[in-house]
C-alpha atoms as a PDB file:
ATOM      1  CA  ASP A   1       1.058-195.784-179.844  1.00  0.00           C
ATOM      2  CA  THR A   2       0.811-196.579-183.530  1.00  0.00           C
ATOM      3  CA  ASP A   3      -1.821-193.905-184.115  1.00  0.00           C
ATOM      4  CA  ARG A   4       0.506-191.210-182.775  1.00  0.00           C
ATOM      5  CA  ALA A   5       3.318-192.463-185.009  1.00  0.00           C
ATOM      6  CA  LEU A   6       1.020-192.368-188.014  1.00  0.00           C
ATOM      7  CA  VAL A   7      -0.009-188.789-187.227  1.00  0.00           C
ATOM      8  CA  LEU A   8       3.646-187.721-186.955  1.00  0.00           C
ATOM      9  CA  LEU A   9       4.535-189.423-190.218  1.00  0.00           C
ATOM     10  CA  GLU A  10       1.507-187.957-192.014  1.00  0.00           C
ATOM     11  CA  GLU A  11       2.377-184.450-190.818  1.00  0.00           C
ATOM     12  CA  TYR A  12       5.924-184.887-192.056  1.00  0.00           C
ATOM     13  CA  CYS A  13       4.758-186.206-195.437  1.00  0.00           C
ATOM     14  CA  LYS A  14       2.658-183.081-195.952  1.00  0.00           C
ATOM     15  CA  LYS A  15       5.864-181.026-195.747  1.00  0.00           C
ATOM     16  CA  LEU A  16       7.597-183.029-198.478  1.00  0.00           C
ATOM     17  CA  ARG A  17       6.790-181.160-201.682  1.00  0.00           C
ATOM     18  CA  LYS A  18      10.086-180.846-203.553  1.00  0.00           C
ATOM     19  CA  PRO A  19      10.761-183.307-206.392  1.00  0.00           C
ATOM     20  CA  GLU A  20      13.881-184.608-204.642  1.00  0.00           C
ATOM     21  CA  GLU A  21      11.785-185.418-201.539  1.00  0.00           C
ATOM     22  CA  GLN A  22       9.300-187.640-203.328  1.00  0.00           C
ATOM     23  CA  GLN A  23      11.348-190.812-202.875  1.00  0.00           C
ATOM     24  CA  LEU A  24      11.458-190.177-199.109  1.00  0.00           C
ATOM     25  CA  LYS A  25       7.727-189.462-199.108  1.00  0.00           C
ATOM     26  CA  LYS A  26       7.088-192.764-200.893  1.00  0.00           C
ATOM     27  CA  ALA A  27       9.225-194.644-198.348  1.00  0.00           C
ATOM     28  CA  ILE A  28       7.424-193.004-195.417  1.00  0.00           C
ATOM     29  CA  ARG A  29       4.045-193.901-196.920  1.00  0.00           C
ATOM     30  CA  LYS A  30       5.264-197.513-197.196  1.00  0.00           C
ATOM     31  CA  VAL A  31       6.188-197.488-193.483  1.00  0.00           C
ATOM     32  CA  MET A  32       2.753-196.052-192.712  1.00  0.00           C
ATOM     33  CA  GLY A  33       1.164-198.918-194.612  1.00  0.00           C
ATOM     34  CA  ILE A  34       3.185-201.400-192.578  1.00  0.00           C
ATOM     35  CA  PHE A  35       2.107-199.744-189.326  1.00  0.00           C
ATOM     36  CA  LYS A  36      -1.523-200.082-190.436  1.00  0.00           C
ATOM     37  CA  SER A  37      -1.188-203.755-191.405  1.00  0.00           C
ATOM     38  CA  SER A  38      -2.815-206.465-189.338  1.00  0.00           C
ATOM     39  CA  LEU A  39       0.457-208.425-189.269  1.00  0.00           C
ATOM     40  CA  PHE A  40       2.340-205.502-187.721  1.00  0.00           C
ATOM     41  CA  GLN A  41      -0.432-204.948-185.184  1.00  0.00           C
ATOM     42  CA  ALA A  42      -0.331-208.640-184.221  1.00  0.00           C
ATOM     43  CA  LEU A  43       3.455-208.602-183.846  1.00  0.00           C
ATOM     44  CA  LEU A  44       3.279-205.403-181.814  1.00  0.00           C
ATOM     45  CA  GLY A  45       0.662-206.955-179.548  1.00  0.00           C
ATOM     46  CA  SER A  46       2.894-209.981-179.012  1.00  0.00           C
ATOM     47  CA  PHE A  47       5.883-207.735-178.285  1.00  0.00           C
ATOM     48  CA  LYS A  48       3.887-205.724-175.753  1.00  0.00           C
ATOM     49  CA  LYS A  49       2.742-208.887-173.966  1.00  0.00           C
ATOM     50  CA  LYS A  50       6.312-210.189-173.704  1.00  0.00           C
ATOM     51  CA  ALA A  51       7.659-206.818-172.560  1.00  0.00           C
ATOM     52  CA  THR A  52       4.969-206.527-169.910  1.00  0.00           C
ATOM     53  CA  ARG A  53       5.600-210.073-168.726  1.00  0.00           C
ATOM     54  CA  HIS A  54       9.325-209.362-168.397  1.00  0.00           C
ATOM     55  CA  GLY A  55       8.822-205.912-166.877  1.00  0.00           C
ATOM     56  CA  THR A  56      10.623-204.136-169.709  1.00  0.00           C
ATOM     57  CA  THR A  57       7.936-201.711-170.818  1.00  0.00           C
ATOM     58  CA  SER A  58       8.977-198.118-171.397  1.00  0.00           C
ATOM     59  CA  HIS A  59       7.192-194.791-171.551  1.00  0.00           C
ATOM     60  CA  ILE A  60       7.322-194.634-175.371  1.00  0.00           C
ATOM     61  CA  SER A  61       6.034-197.206-177.833  1.00  0.00           C
ATOM     62  CA  PHE A  62       8.099-198.752-180.583  1.00  0.00           C
ATOM     63  CA  PRO A  63       6.154-197.162-183.492  1.00  0.00           C
ATOM     64  CA  VAL A  64       6.404-193.702-181.947  1.00  0.00           C
ATOM     65  CA  ALA A  65      10.109-194.173-181.198  1.00  0.00           C
ATOM     66  CA  LEU A  66      10.696-195.262-184.791  1.00  0.00           C
ATOM     67  CA  ALA A  67       8.739-192.325-186.200  1.00  0.00           C
ATOM     68  CA  CYS A  68      10.613-189.903-183.951  1.00  0.00           C
ATOM     69  CA  ASP A  69      13.952-191.346-185.045  1.00  0.00           C
ATOM     70  CA  VAL A  70      13.021-191.106-188.729  1.00  0.00           C
ATOM     71  CA  LEU A  71      11.743-187.562-188.378  1.00  0.00           C
ATOM     72  CA  GLY A  72      14.411-186.361-185.971  1.00  0.00           C
ATOM     73  CA  TYR A  73      11.857-185.436-183.312  1.00  0.00           C
ATOM     74  CA  PRO A  74      12.584-185.662-179.595  1.00  0.00           C
ATOM     75  CA  LYS A  75      10.993-188.721-177.982  1.00  0.00           C
ATOM     76  CA  ASP A  76       9.597-186.869-174.976  1.00  0.00           C
END
């Protein structure tokens, strides 16, 4: 769920206040912009269709898994 990933990333960005964290904050905001893009949404839709067709869907979406990996959160 892209929306959930965006919420997680936004919450994390709010915690980044130190000067040395600003580069990371900028990179996370760039990822957020990609998640919001129509191209990413189209590619994600295509990926979901293929995964469903091949029976390889999982309980967690790619954007959420990526956000969890970046933030060090558990995926459950």
